[in-house]
All heavy atoms as atom14 arrays in JSON, in Angstrom:
{
  "sequence": "QRDITARYPGVASIWRQVRGAAVIDGELVAFKDGRPDFQCLLRGNTP",
  "atom14_mask": [
    [1, 1, 1, 1, 1, 1, 1, 1, 1, 0, 0, 0, 0, 0],
    [1, 1, 1, 1, 1, 1, 1, 1, 1, 1, 1, 0, 0, 0],
    [1, 1, 1, 1, 1, 1, 1, 1, 0, 0, 0, 0, 0, 0],
    [1, 1, 1, 1, 1, 1, 1, 1, 0, 0, 0, 0, 0, 0],
    [1, 1, 1, 1, 1, 1, 1, 0, 0, 0, 0, 0, 0, 0],
    [1, 1, 1, 1, 1, 0, 0, 0, 0, 0, 0, 0, 0, 0],
    [1, 1, 1, 1, 1, 1, 1, 1, 1, 1, 1, 0, 0, 0],
    [1, 1, 1, 1, 1, 1, 1, 1, 1, 1, 1, 1, 0, 0],
    [1, 1, 1, 1, 1, 1, 1, 0, 0, 0, 0, 0, 0, 0],
    [1, 1, 1, 1, 0, 0, 0, 0, 0, 0, 0, 0, 0, 0],
    [1, 1, 1, 1, 1, 1, 1, 0, 0, 0, 0, 0, 0, 0],
    [1, 1, 1, 1, 1, 0, 0, 0, 0, 0, 0, 0, 0, 0],
    [1, 1, 1, 1, 1, 1, 0, 0, 0, 0, 0, 0, 0, 0],
    [1, 1, 1, 1, 1, 1, 1, 1, 0, 0, 0, 0, 0, 0],
    [1, 1, 1, 1, 1, 1, 1, 1, 1, 1, 1, 1, 1, 1],
    [1, 1, 1, 1, 1, 1, 1, 1, 1, 1, 1, 0, 0, 0],
    [1, 1, 1, 1, 1, 1, 1, 1, 1, 0, 0, 0, 0, 0],
    [1, 1, 1, 1, 1, 1, 1, 0, 0, 0, 0, 0, 0, 0],
    [1, 1, 1, 1, 1, 1, 1, 1, 1, 1, 1, 0, 0, 0],
    [1, 1, 1, 1, 0, 0, 0, 0, 0, 0, 0, 0, 0, 0],
    [1, 1, 1, 1, 1, 0, 0, 0, 0, 0, 0, 0, 0, 0],
    [1, 1, 1, 1, 1, 0, 0, 0, 0, 0, 0, 0, 0, 0],
    [1, 1, 1, 1, 1, 1, 1, 0, 0, 0, 0, 0, 0, 0],
    [1, 1, 1, 1, 1, 1, 1, 1, 0, 0, 0, 0, 0, 0],
    [1, 1, 1, 1, 1, 1, 1, 1, 0, 0, 0, 0, 0, 0],
    [1, 1, 1, 1, 0, 0, 0, 0, 0, 0, 0, 0, 0, 0],
    [1, 1, 1, 1, 1, 1, 1, 1, 1, 0, 0, 0, 0, 0],
    [1, 1, 1, 1, 1, 1, 1, 1, 0, 0, 0, 0, 0, 0],
    [1, 1, 1, 1, 1, 1, 1, 0, 0, 0, 0, 0, 0, 0],
    [1, 1, 1, 1, 1, 0, 0, 0, 0, 0, 0, 0, 0, 0],
    [1, 1, 1, 1, 1, 1, 1, 1, 1, 1, 1, 0, 0, 0],
    [1, 1, 1, 1, 1, 1, 1, 1, 1, 0, 0, 0, 0, 0],
    [1, 1, 1, 1, 1, 1, 1, 1, 0, 0, 0, 0, 0, 0],
    [1, 1, 1, 1, 0, 0, 0, 0, 0, 0, 0, 0, 0, 0],
    [1, 1, 1, 1, 1, 1, 1, 1, 1, 1, 1, 0, 0, 0],
    [1, 1, 1, 1, 1, 1, 1, 0, 0, 0, 0, 0, 0, 0],
    [1, 1, 1, 1, 1, 1, 1, 1, 0, 0, 0, 0, 0, 0],
    [1, 1, 1, 1, 1, 1, 1, 1, 1, 1, 1, 0, 0, 0],
    [1, 1, 1, 1, 1, 1, 1, 1, 1, 0, 0, 0, 0, 0],
    [1, 1, 1, 1, 1, 1, 0, 0, 0, 0, 0, 0, 0, 0],
    [1, 1, 1, 1, 1, 1, 1, 1, 0, 0, 0, 0, 0, 0],
    [1, 1, 1, 1, 1, 1, 1, 1, 0, 0, 0, 0, 0, 0],
    [1, 1, 1, 1, 1, 1, 1, 1, 1, 1, 1, 0, 0, 0],
    [1, 1, 1, 1, 0, 0, 0, 0, 0, 0, 0, 0, 0, 0],
    [1, 1, 1, 1, 1, 1, 1, 1, 0, 0, 0, 0, 0, 0],
    [1, 1, 1, 1, 1, 1, 1, 0, 0, 0, 0, 0, 0, 0],
    [1, 1, 1, 1, 1, 1, 1, 0, 0, 0, 0, 0, 0, 0]
  ],
  "atom14_positions": [
    [[32.79, 96.74, 65.72], [33.58, 97.68, 64.92], [33.25, 99.13, 65.21], [33.6, 99.99, 64.49], [33.4, 97.41, 63.44], [33.94, 96.06, 62.97], [34.03, 95.93, 61.5], [33.64, 96.8, 60.76], [34.64, 94.82, 60.97], [0.0, 0.0, 0.0], [0.0, 0.0, 0.0], [0.0, 0.0, 0.0], [0.0, 0.0, 0.0], [0.0, 0.0, 0.0]],
    [[32.65, 99.38, 66.32], [32.35, 100.78, 66.71], [33.52, 101.43, 67.44], [34.24, 100.76, 68.15], [31.13, 100.91, 67.56], [29.8, 100.55, 66.81], [28.6, 100.76, 67.78], [27.37, 100.42, 67.03], [26.16, 100.46, 67.62], [26.05, 100.76, 68.82], [25.11, 100.13, 66.88], [0.0, 0.0, 0.0], [0.0, 0.0, 0.0], [0.0, 0.0, 0.0]],
    [[33.76, 102.7, 67.24], [34.82, 103.48, 67.96], [34.32, 103.84, 69.31], [33.32, 104.63, 69.42], [35.15, 104.7, 67.12], [36.23, 105.49, 67.8], [36.75, 105.08, 68.86], [36.57, 106.63, 67.3], [0.0, 0.0, 0.0], [0.0, 0.0, 0.0], [0.0, 0.0, 0.0], [0.0, 0.0, 0.0], [0.0, 0.0, 0.0], [0.0, 0.0, 0.0]],
    [[34.8, 103.27, 70.34], [34.34, 103.54, 71.69], [35.43, 104.25, 72.57], [35.31, 104.25, 73.76], [33.89, 102.24, 72.4], [35.09, 101.23, 72.41], [32.7, 101.63, 71.66], [34.77, 99.98, 73.27], [0.0, 0.0, 0.0], [0.0, 0.0, 0.0], [0.0, 0.0, 0.0], [0.0, 0.0, 0.0], [0.0, 0.0, 0.0], [0.0, 0.0, 0.0]],
    [[36.36, 104.89, 71.9], [37.47, 105.45, 72.63], [37.03, 106.54, 73.62], [37.4, 106.55, 74.77], [38.39, 106.15, 71.59], [38.76, 105.2, 70.54], [39.75, 106.56, 72.33], [0.0, 0.0, 0.0], [0.0, 0.0, 0.0], [0.0, 0.0, 0.0], [0.0, 0.0, 0.0], [0.0, 0.0, 0.0], [0.0, 0.0, 0.0], [0.0, 0.0, 0.0]],
    [[36.09, 107.41, 73.21], [35.61, 108.53, 74.03], [34.78, 107.99, 75.21], [34.57, 108.74, 76.19], [34.86, 109.49, 73.15], [0.0, 0.0, 0.0], [0.0, 0.0, 0.0], [0.0, 0.0, 0.0], [0.0, 0.0, 0.0], [0.0, 0.0, 0.0], [0.0, 0.0, 0.0], [0.0, 0.0, 0.0], [0.0, 0.0, 0.0], [0.0, 0.0, 0.0]],
    [[34.21, 106.82, 75.1], [33.32, 106.32, 76.15], [34.09, 105.88, 77.35], [33.56, 105.83, 78.54], [32.52, 105.14, 75.58], [31.36, 104.75, 76.5], [30.72, 103.43, 75.94], [30.31, 103.51, 74.54], [29.82, 102.51, 73.88], [29.66, 101.3, 74.52], [29.41, 102.68, 72.66], [0.0, 0.0, 0.0], [0.0, 0.0, 0.0], [0.0, 0.0, 0.0]],
    [[35.37, 105.6, 77.24], [36.2, 105.06, 78.34], [37.45, 105.87, 78.63], [38.59, 105.46, 78.38], [36.54, 103.58, 78.14], [35.28, 102.7, 78.09], [34.79, 102.31, 76.87], [34.63, 102.34, 79.23], [33.63, 101.57, 76.75], [33.52, 101.56, 79.17], [32.99, 101.11, 77.96], [31.93, 100.34, 77.91], [0.0, 0.0, 0.0], [0.0, 0.0, 0.0]],
    [[37.27, 107.17, 79.06], [38.46, 107.99, 79.3], [39.4, 107.42, 80.36], [40.57, 107.86, 80.41], [37.82, 109.33, 79.75], [36.51, 109.0, 80.28], [36.02, 107.78, 79.46], [0.0, 0.0, 0.0], [0.0, 0.0, 0.0], [0.0, 0.0, 0.0], [0.0, 0.0, 0.0], [0.0, 0.0, 0.0], [0.0, 0.0, 0.0], [0.0, 0.0, 0.0]],
    [[38.9, 106.56, 81.25], [39.72, 106.01, 82.27], [40.85, 105.18, 81.8], [41.78, 104.9, 82.59], [0.0, 0.0, 0.0], [0.0, 0.0, 0.0], [0.0, 0.0, 0.0], [0.0, 0.0, 0.0], [0.0, 0.0, 0.0], [0.0, 0.0, 0.0], [0.0, 0.0, 0.0], [0.0, 0.0, 0.0], [0.0, 0.0, 0.0], [0.0, 0.0, 0.0]],
    [[40.85, 104.72, 80.59], [41.89, 103.87, 80.05], [42.65, 104.63, 78.93], [43.35, 104.01, 78.15], [41.41, 102.51, 79.55], [40.89, 101.74, 80.69], [40.37, 102.62, 78.45], [0.0, 0.0, 0.0], [0.0, 0.0, 0.0], [0.0, 0.0, 0.0], [0.0, 0.0, 0.0], [0.0, 0.0, 0.0], [0.0, 0.0, 0.0], [0.0, 0.0, 0.0]],
    [[42.42, 105.94, 78.8], [43.04, 106.71, 77.7], [44.58, 106.74, 77.71], [45.21, 106.89, 76.71], [42.51, 108.16, 77.82], [0.0, 0.0, 0.0], [0.0, 0.0, 0.0], [0.0, 0.0, 0.0], [0.0, 0.0, 0.0], [0.0, 0.0, 0.0], [0.0, 0.0, 0.0], [0.0, 0.0, 0.0], [0.0, 0.0, 0.0], [0.0, 0.0, 0.0]],
    [[45.13, 106.37, 78.89], [46.62, 106.39, 79.04], [47.28, 105.1, 78.68], [48.52, 104.97, 78.74], [47.01, 106.82, 80.41], [46.57, 105.81, 81.4], [0.0, 0.0, 0.0], [0.0, 0.0, 0.0], [0.0, 0.0, 0.0], [0.0, 0.0, 0.0], [0.0, 0.0, 0.0], [0.0, 0.0, 0.0], [0.0, 0.0, 0.0], [0.0, 0.0, 0.0]],
    [[46.48, 104.06, 78.2], [47.13, 102.71, 78.12], [48.18, 102.67, 76.98], [49.12, 101.94, 77.01], [46.11, 101.63, 77.89], [45.36, 101.78, 76.57], [45.21, 101.52, 79.08], [44.46, 100.64, 76.27], [0.0, 0.0, 0.0], [0.0, 0.0, 0.0], [0.0, 0.0, 0.0], [0.0, 0.0, 0.0], [0.0, 0.0, 0.0], [0.0, 0.0, 0.0]],
    [[48.12, 103.61, 76.0], [49.05, 103.63, 74.91], [50.47, 103.96, 75.43], [51.45, 103.48, 74.85], [48.66, 104.69, 73.9], [48.71, 106.09, 74.41], [47.69, 106.78, 75.02], [49.77, 107.0, 74.25], [48.09, 108.02, 75.29], [49.37, 108.21, 74.81], [51.07, 106.93, 73.72], [50.14, 109.36, 74.92], [51.93, 108.02, 73.75], [51.41, 109.25, 74.36]],
    [[50.5, 104.63, 76.56], [51.87, 104.99, 77.23], [52.53, 103.7, 77.77], [53.69, 103.65, 77.94], [51.65, 106.0, 78.34], [51.11, 107.28, 77.89], [50.98, 108.23, 79.08], [50.33, 109.48, 78.69], [50.89, 110.55, 78.17], [52.21, 110.52, 77.91], [50.21, 111.61, 77.87], [0.0, 0.0, 0.0], [0.0, 0.0, 0.0], [0.0, 0.0, 0.0]],
    [[51.72, 102.62, 78.03], [52.29, 101.42, 78.57], [52.78, 100.47, 77.46], [53.33, 99.42, 77.76], [51.3, 100.71, 79.41], [50.83, 101.41, 80.64], [49.85, 100.62, 81.48], [48.66, 101.06, 81.6], [50.26, 99.45, 82.0], [0.0, 0.0, 0.0], [0.0, 0.0, 0.0], [0.0, 0.0, 0.0], [0.0, 0.0, 0.0], [0.0, 0.0, 0.0]],
    [[52.55, 100.81, 76.22], [52.89, 99.91, 75.11], [54.09, 100.43, 74.44], [54.18, 101.55, 74.02], [51.74, 99.74, 74.13], [52.07, 98.78, 73.04], [50.43, 99.33, 74.86], [0.0, 0.0, 0.0], [0.0, 0.0, 0.0], [0.0, 0.0, 0.0], [0.0, 0.0, 0.0], [0.0, 0.0, 0.0], [0.0, 0.0, 0.0], [0.0, 0.0, 0.0]],
    [[55.07, 99.55, 74.24], [56.32, 99.88, 73.51], [56.07, 99.87, 72.02], [56.15, 98.85, 71.4], [57.43, 98.97, 73.9], [57.81, 98.98, 75.42], [59.04, 98.12, 75.67], [59.42, 98.1, 77.09], [59.05, 97.17, 77.96], [58.38, 96.16, 77.49], [59.43, 97.28, 79.19], [0.0, 0.0, 0.0], [0.0, 0.0, 0.0], [0.0, 0.0, 0.0]],
    [[55.7, 101.01, 71.46], [55.53, 101.13, 70.02], [54.02, 100.82, 69.63], [53.15, 100.74, 70.48], [0.0, 0.0, 0.0], [0.0, 0.0, 0.0], [0.0, 0.0, 0.0], [0.0, 0.0, 0.0], [0.0, 0.0, 0.0], [0.0, 0.0, 0.0], [0.0, 0.0, 0.0], [0.0, 0.0, 0.0], [0.0, 0.0, 0.0], [0.0, 0.0, 0.0]],
    [[53.75, 100.89, 68.33], [52.37, 100.72, 67.78], [52.05, 99.28, 67.8], [52.83, 98.36, 67.49], [52.36, 101.27, 66.36], [0.0, 0.0, 0.0], [0.0, 0.0, 0.0], [0.0, 0.0, 0.0], [0.0, 0.0, 0.0], [0.0, 0.0, 0.0], [0.0, 0.0, 0.0], [0.0, 0.0, 0.0], [0.0, 0.0, 0.0], [0.0, 0.0, 0.0]],
    [[50.79, 99.03, 68.26], [50.31, 97.58, 68.37], [48.81, 97.54, 68.24], [48.08, 98.52, 68.46], [50.81, 97.06, 69.66], [0.0, 0.0, 0.0], [0.0, 0.0, 0.0], [0.0, 0.0, 0.0], [0.0, 0.0, 0.0], [0.0, 0.0, 0.0], [0.0, 0.0, 0.0], [0.0, 0.0, 0.0], [0.0, 0.0, 0.0], [0.0, 0.0, 0.0]],
    [[48.34, 96.3, 67.94], [46.88, 96.08, 67.98], [46.7, 94.92, 68.97], [47.29, 93.82, 68.77], [46.3, 95.64, 66.64], [44.85, 95.4, 66.74], [46.55, 96.73, 65.6], [0.0, 0.0, 0.0], [0.0, 0.0, 0.0], [0.0, 0.0, 0.0], [0.0, 0.0, 0.0], [0.0, 0.0, 0.0], [0.0, 0.0, 0.0], [0.0, 0.0, 0.0]],
    [[46.02, 95.25, 70.07], [45.89, 94.27, 71.15], [44.44, 93.9, 71.42], [43.54, 94.72, 71.48], [46.47, 94.91, 72.47], [47.9, 95.28, 72.26], [46.28, 93.98, 73.65], [48.53, 96.09, 73.43], [0.0, 0.0, 0.0], [0.0, 0.0, 0.0], [0.0, 0.0, 0.0], [0.0, 0.0, 0.0], [0.0, 0.0, 0.0], [0.0, 0.0, 0.0]],
    [[44.17, 92.58, 71.54], [42.84, 92.11, 71.86], [42.74, 91.99, 73.37], [43.63, 91.53, 74.03], [42.63, 90.72, 71.23], [41.19, 90.36, 71.17], [40.29, 91.07, 71.77], [40.85, 89.3, 70.56], [0.0, 0.0, 0.0], [0.0, 0.0, 0.0], [0.0, 0.0, 0.0], [0.0, 0.0, 0.0], [0.0, 0.0, 0.0], [0.0, 0.0, 0.0]],
    [[41.56, 92.41, 73.84], [41.41, 92.35, 75.34], [40.02, 92.61, 75.77], [39.02, 92.62, 74.91], [0.0, 0.0, 0.0], [0.0, 0.0, 0.0], [0.0, 0.0, 0.0], [0.0, 0.0, 0.0], [0.0, 0.0, 0.0], [0.0, 0.0, 0.0], [0.0, 0.0, 0.0], [0.0, 0.0, 0.0], [0.0, 0.0, 0.0], [0.0, 0.0, 0.0]],
    [[39.74, 92.98, 77.01], [38.46, 93.27, 77.51], [38.59, 94.39, 78.57], [39.48, 94.38, 79.44], [37.96, 91.94, 78.2], [36.45, 92.01, 78.39], [35.82, 90.61, 78.31], [36.54, 89.63, 78.02], [34.64, 90.54, 78.62], [0.0, 0.0, 0.0], [0.0, 0.0, 0.0], [0.0, 0.0, 0.0], [0.0, 0.0, 0.0], [0.0, 0.0, 0.0]],
    [[37.62, 95.32, 78.51], [37.48, 96.32, 79.48], [36.67, 95.81, 80.65], [35.6, 95.27, 80.44], [36.77, 97.56, 78.89], [37.59, 98.36, 77.92], [36.71, 99.29, 77.1], [38.68, 99.16, 78.62], [0.0, 0.0, 0.0], [0.0, 0.0, 0.0], [0.0, 0.0, 0.0], [0.0, 0.0, 0.0], [0.0, 0.0, 0.0], [0.0, 0.0, 0.0]],
    [[37.23, 95.88, 81.83], [36.62, 95.25, 83.02], [36.63, 96.21, 84.18], [37.66, 96.83, 84.47], [37.36, 93.93, 83.4], [36.66, 93.34, 84.65], [37.33, 92.98, 82.21], [0.0, 0.0, 0.0], [0.0, 0.0, 0.0], [0.0, 0.0, 0.0], [0.0, 0.0, 0.0], [0.0, 0.0, 0.0], [0.0, 0.0, 0.0], [0.0, 0.0, 0.0]],
    [[35.47, 96.35, 84.85], [35.43, 97.13, 86.11], [35.32, 96.14, 87.31], [34.6, 95.16, 87.19], [34.22, 98.02, 86.04], [0.0, 0.0, 0.0], [0.0, 0.0, 0.0], [0.0, 0.0, 0.0], [0.0, 0.0, 0.0], [0.0, 0.0, 0.0], [0.0, 0.0, 0.0], [0.0, 0.0, 0.0], [0.0, 0.0, 0.0], [0.0, 0.0, 0.0]],
    [[36.01, 96.44, 88.33], [36.02, 95.58, 89.51], [35.31, 96.22, 90.71], [35.41, 97.51, 90.89], [37.46, 95.21, 89.93], [38.14, 94.25, 89.0], [38.81, 94.68, 87.85], [38.11, 92.89, 89.22], [39.4, 93.84, 86.98], [38.69, 91.97, 88.37], [39.37, 92.45, 87.3], [0.0, 0.0, 0.0], [0.0, 0.0, 0.0], [0.0, 0.0, 0.0]],
    [[34.6, 95.38, 91.48], [34.01, 95.84, 92.73], [34.22, 94.72, 93.77], [33.85, 93.55, 93.5], [32.47, 96.06, 92.54], [31.82, 96.57, 93.83], [30.38, 96.89, 93.54], [29.59, 97.2, 94.88], [30.2, 98.39, 95.52], [0.0, 0.0, 0.0], [0.0, 0.0, 0.0], [0.0, 0.0, 0.0], [0.0, 0.0, 0.0], [0.0, 0.0, 0.0]],
    [[34.87, 95.11, 94.89], [35.18, 94.11, 95.89], [35.95, 92.98, 95.4], [35.79, 91.79, 95.73], [33.88, 93.56, 96.57], [33.05, 94.72, 97.25], [33.72, 95.7, 97.69], [31.8, 94.6, 97.24], [0.0, 0.0, 0.0], [0.0, 0.0, 0.0], [0.0, 0.0, 0.0], [0.0, 0.0, 0.0], [0.0, 0.0, 0.0], [0.0, 0.0, 0.0]],
    [[36.83, 93.24, 94.45], [37.77, 92.26, 93.9], [37.21, 91.33, 92.85], [37.92, 90.42, 92.4], [0.0, 0.0, 0.0], [0.0, 0.0, 0.0], [0.0, 0.0, 0.0], [0.0, 0.0, 0.0], [0.0, 0.0, 0.0], [0.0, 0.0, 0.0], [0.0, 0.0, 0.0], [0.0, 0.0, 0.0], [0.0, 0.0, 0.0], [0.0, 0.0, 0.0]],
    [[35.97, 91.61, 92.4], [35.27, 90.74, 91.39], [34.88, 91.59, 90.21], [34.52, 92.78, 90.38], [34.06, 90.04, 91.92], [34.29, 89.15, 93.08], [33.05, 88.52, 93.62], [32.26, 87.86, 92.62], [31.05, 88.16, 92.24], [30.47, 89.29, 92.68], [30.35, 87.51, 91.36], [0.0, 0.0, 0.0], [0.0, 0.0, 0.0], [0.0, 0.0, 0.0]],
    [[34.96, 91.11, 89.0], [34.5, 91.85, 87.84], [32.95, 92.14, 88.02], [32.17, 91.3, 88.52], [34.68, 90.86, 86.67], [35.71, 89.89, 87.12], [35.49, 89.79, 88.58], [0.0, 0.0, 0.0], [0.0, 0.0, 0.0], [0.0, 0.0, 0.0], [0.0, 0.0, 0.0], [0.0, 0.0, 0.0], [0.0, 0.0, 0.0], [0.0, 0.0, 0.0]],
    [[32.6, 93.35, 87.67], [31.19, 93.78, 87.87], [30.75, 94.51, 86.66], [31.08, 95.65, 86.42], [31.06, 94.66, 89.12], [29.63, 94.91, 89.52], [28.8, 95.31, 88.71], [29.3, 94.71, 90.67], [0.0, 0.0, 0.0], [0.0, 0.0, 0.0], [0.0, 0.0, 0.0], [0.0, 0.0, 0.0], [0.0, 0.0, 0.0], [0.0, 0.0, 0.0]],
    [[29.91, 93.84, 85.82], [29.52, 94.4, 84.58], [28.58, 95.58, 84.75], [28.61, 96.54, 83.92], [28.76, 93.3, 83.75], [28.46, 93.69, 82.31], [29.48, 93.72, 81.39], [27.19, 93.98, 81.89], [29.25, 94.1, 80.12], [26.91, 94.32, 80.57], [27.97, 94.43, 79.68], [0.0, 0.0, 0.0], [0.0, 0.0, 0.0], [0.0, 0.0, 0.0]],
    [[27.77, 95.58, 85.79], [26.95, 96.76, 86.04], [27.73, 98.05, 86.35], [27.36, 99.07, 85.94], [25.97, 96.45, 87.23], [25.02, 95.33, 86.93], [24.24, 95.51, 85.72], [23.48, 96.49, 85.61], [24.21, 94.61, 84.75], [0.0, 0.0, 0.0], [0.0, 0.0, 0.0], [0.0, 0.0, 0.0], [0.0, 0.0, 0.0], [0.0, 0.0, 0.0]],
    [[28.83, 97.89, 87.09], [29.73, 99.02, 87.32], [30.33, 99.53, 86.06], [30.45, 100.73, 85.89], [30.83, 98.61, 88.3], [30.35, 98.57, 90.01], [0.0, 0.0, 0.0], [0.0, 0.0, 0.0], [0.0, 0.0, 0.0], [0.0, 0.0, 0.0], [0.0, 0.0, 0.0], [0.0, 0.0, 0.0], [0.0, 0.0, 0.0], [0.0, 0.0, 0.0]],
    [[30.62, 98.59, 85.14], [31.23, 99.03, 83.85], [30.16, 99.81, 83.07], [30.53, 100.86, 82.49], [31.63, 97.8, 83.07], [32.37, 98.07, 81.77], [33.63, 98.8, 81.92], [32.55, 96.74, 80.96], [0.0, 0.0, 0.0], [0.0, 0.0, 0.0], [0.0, 0.0, 0.0], [0.0, 0.0, 0.0], [0.0, 0.0, 0.0], [0.0, 0.0, 0.0]],
    [[28.94, 99.32, 83.04], [27.88, 99.97, 82.3], [27.58, 101.38, 82.88], [27.37, 102.34, 82.12], [26.58, 99.17, 82.3], [26.55, 97.89, 81.44], [25.2, 97.26, 81.62], [26.81, 98.23, 80.01], [0.0, 0.0, 0.0], [0.0, 0.0, 0.0], [0.0, 0.0, 0.0], [0.0, 0.0, 0.0], [0.0, 0.0, 0.0], [0.0, 0.0, 0.0]],
    [[27.6, 101.53, 84.16], [27.21, 102.76, 84.8], [28.36, 103.79, 84.93], [28.16, 104.9, 85.33], [26.59, 102.44, 86.18], [25.28, 101.67, 86.08], [24.75, 101.25, 87.44], [23.55, 100.5, 87.37], [22.87, 99.98, 88.37], [23.44, 100.1, 89.63], [21.77, 99.28, 88.21], [0.0, 0.0, 0.0], [0.0, 0.0, 0.0], [0.0, 0.0, 0.0]],
    [[29.57, 103.23, 84.76], [30.75, 104.13, 84.88], [31.06, 104.46, 86.35], [31.71, 105.46, 86.57], [0.0, 0.0, 0.0], [0.0, 0.0, 0.0], [0.0, 0.0, 0.0], [0.0, 0.0, 0.0], [0.0, 0.0, 0.0], [0.0, 0.0, 0.0], [0.0, 0.0, 0.0], [0.0, 0.0, 0.0], [0.0, 0.0, 0.0], [0.0, 0.0, 0.0]],
    [[30.61, 103.58, 87.24], [30.9, 103.96, 88.69], [32.35, 103.72, 89.08], [32.83, 104.36, 89.96], [30.02, 102.95, 89.52], [28.56, 103.2, 89.35], [28.12, 104.18, 88.9], [27.8, 102.2, 89.73], [0.0, 0.0, 0.0], [0.0, 0.0, 0.0], [0.0, 0.0, 0.0], [0.0, 0.0, 0.0], [0.0, 0.0, 0.0], [0.0, 0.0, 0.0]],
    [[33.05, 102.81, 88.36], [34.42, 102.43, 88.7], [35.29, 102.52, 87.44], [34.87, 102.02, 86.42], [34.44, 101.02, 89.24], [33.52, 100.87, 90.32], [35.86, 100.63, 89.75], [0.0, 0.0, 0.0], [0.0, 0.0, 0.0], [0.0, 0.0, 0.0], [0.0, 0.0, 0.0], [0.0, 0.0, 0.0], [0.0, 0.0, 0.0], [0.0, 0.0, 0.0]],
    [[36.43, 103.15, 87.55], [37.35, 103.19, 86.37], [37.74, 101.81, 85.97], [38.14, 100.93, 86.8], [38.57, 103.99, 86.87], [38.09, 104.77, 88.04], [36.98, 103.96, 88.68], [0.0, 0.0, 0.0], [0.0, 0.0, 0.0], [0.0, 0.0, 0.0], [0.0, 0.0, 0.0], [0.0, 0.0, 0.0], [0.0, 0.0, 0.0], [0.0, 0.0, 0.0]]
  ]
}
């Protein structure tokens, strides 16, 4: 339940892709060489 909006500016534009107001469940994922990479996500190396 923490507000993490400011921590991930790379996805700040996703609201523009949603038609109207919504609550969406999902996962923030960073990819390296075509595979999810949790360390890249933690370090902010990859949007």
